[in-house]
Amino acid sequence: MPIYEFECNECHKTFEKLCSMKEDLSQVPCEYCHVKNVKKKMSSFATGNQRTSLDLGGHSDEHSHSHSGGCSCGSCSSHSHDCSCCH
């Protein structure tokens, strides 16, 4: 079962909820004010391998993503190897 992140449209607080795949997410109540007026937020996800990256440039060397606009973690600038996420 996935964990979803929601934001309440009434009290504007954010919370997480473990939901079944069959659960109607439009009926999830806010865990703070209990109103059923929440929106599912777009959440990032983690993988077991922090060195996983997406090669969009077709280069084979390990640091080639710095020349093609950043890496897949989204934290790297296009000219830096200072990212602790993937370097």
Protein backbone atom coordinates (compact mmCIF):
# COMPACT_ATOMS: atom_id res chain seq x y z
CA MET A 1 0.00 0.00 0.00
CA PRO A 2 1.40 3.41 -0.95
CA ILE A 3 1.83 6.34 1.39
CA TYR A 4 0.28 9.48 -0.05
CA GLU A 5 0.93 13.06 0.99
CA PHE A 6 -2.11 15.33 1.23
CA GLU A 7 -2.73 19.02 1.86
CA CYS A 8 -5.97 20.19 3.42
CA ASN A 9 -7.80 22.90 1.46
CA GLU A 10 -9.39 24.17 4.71
CA CYS A 11 -6.61 24.31 7.34
CA HIS A 12 -3.71 24.09 4.81
CA LYS A 13 -1.83 21.49 6.86
CA THR A 14 0.08 18.67 5.21
CA PHE A 15 -0.16 15.04 6.30
CA GLU A 16 0.64 11.54 5.08
CA LYS A 17 -1.72 8.57 4.93
CA LEU A 18 -1.25 4.92 4.08
CA CYS A 19 -3.99 4.11 1.54
CA SER A 20 -5.02 1.00 -0.30
CA MET A 21 -4.93 1.14 -4.10
CA LYS A 22 -8.74 0.80 -4.15
CA GLU A 23 -9.40 3.61 -1.66
CA ASP A 24 -11.29 6.65 -2.96
CA LEU A 25 -8.75 9.43 -2.32
CA SER A 26 -11.44 12.11 -2.70
CA GLN A 27 -12.97 10.84 0.57
CA VAL A 28 -9.79 11.08 2.68
CA PRO A 29 -10.38 13.35 5.70
CA CYS A 30 -7.79 15.79 7.00
CA GLU A 31 -6.12 14.27 10.05
CA TYR A 32 -6.15 17.70 11.76
CA CYS A 33 -9.57 19.27 11.06
CA HIS A 34 -11.30 16.08 9.72
CA VAL A 35 -12.82 17.86 6.70
CA LYS A 36 -12.96 15.82 3.48
CA ASN A 37 -11.53 18.60 1.35
CA VAL A 38 -7.93 17.55 0.69
CA LYS A 39 -5.72 17.36 -2.37
CA LYS A 40 -3.06 14.78 -3.04
CA LYS A 41 0.37 16.37 -3.34
CA MET A 42 3.03 15.31 -5.81
CA SER A 43 5.68 13.57 -3.72
CA SER A 44 9.17 12.48 -4.56
CA PHE A 45 10.21 8.93 -3.87
CA ALA A 46 13.38 7.26 -2.72
CA THR A 47 15.14 4.28 -4.21
CA GLY A 48 17.42 1.84 -2.47
CA ASN A 49 20.35 2.98 -4.62
CA GLN A 50 21.27 6.64 -4.21
CA ARG A 51 23.68 6.50 -7.15
CA THR A 52 20.92 5.71 -9.61
CA SER A 53 20.66 8.33 -12.34
CA LEU A 54 18.91 8.74 -15.62
CA ASP A 55 21.22 9.16 -18.61
CA LEU A 56 19.49 11.54 -21.00
CA GLY A 57 22.57 12.54 -22.98
CA GLY A 58 23.76 9.17 -24.23
CA HIS A 59 27.20 9.69 -22.64
CA SER A 60 28.90 6.77 -20.96
CA ASP A 61 31.14 8.43 -18.35
CA GLU A 62 29.92 8.84 -14.76
CA HIS A 63 29.95 12.65 -14.68
CA SER A 64 28.57 13.27 -18.17
CA HIS A 65 25.23 14.47 -16.75
CA SER A 66 26.92 17.69 -15.60
CA HIS A 67 27.38 18.65 -19.25
CA SER A 68 23.80 17.86 -20.21
CA GLY A 69 21.97 20.07 -17.70
CA GLY A 70 22.02 18.24 -14.36
CA CYS A 71 21.33 14.82 -12.99
CA SER A 72 18.13 12.96 -12.26
CA CYS A 73 18.02 13.97 -8.58
CA GLY A 74 17.18 17.57 -9.51
CA SER A 75 19.50 18.96 -6.83
CA CYS A 76 22.60 19.39 -8.98
CA SER A 77 23.40 22.56 -10.80
CA SER A 78 24.52 22.09 -14.37
CA HIS A 79 28.17 22.84 -13.53
CA SER A 80 28.63 21.35 -10.07
CA HIS A 81 29.49 17.97 -8.54
CA ASP A 82 28.60 19.12 -5.02
CA CYS A 83 25.36 17.20 -4.79
CA SER A 84 25.38 14.77 -1.89
CA CYS A 85 22.36 13.03 -3.38
CA CYS A 86 24.07 11.37 -6.35
CA HIS A 87 27.81 12.15 -6.15
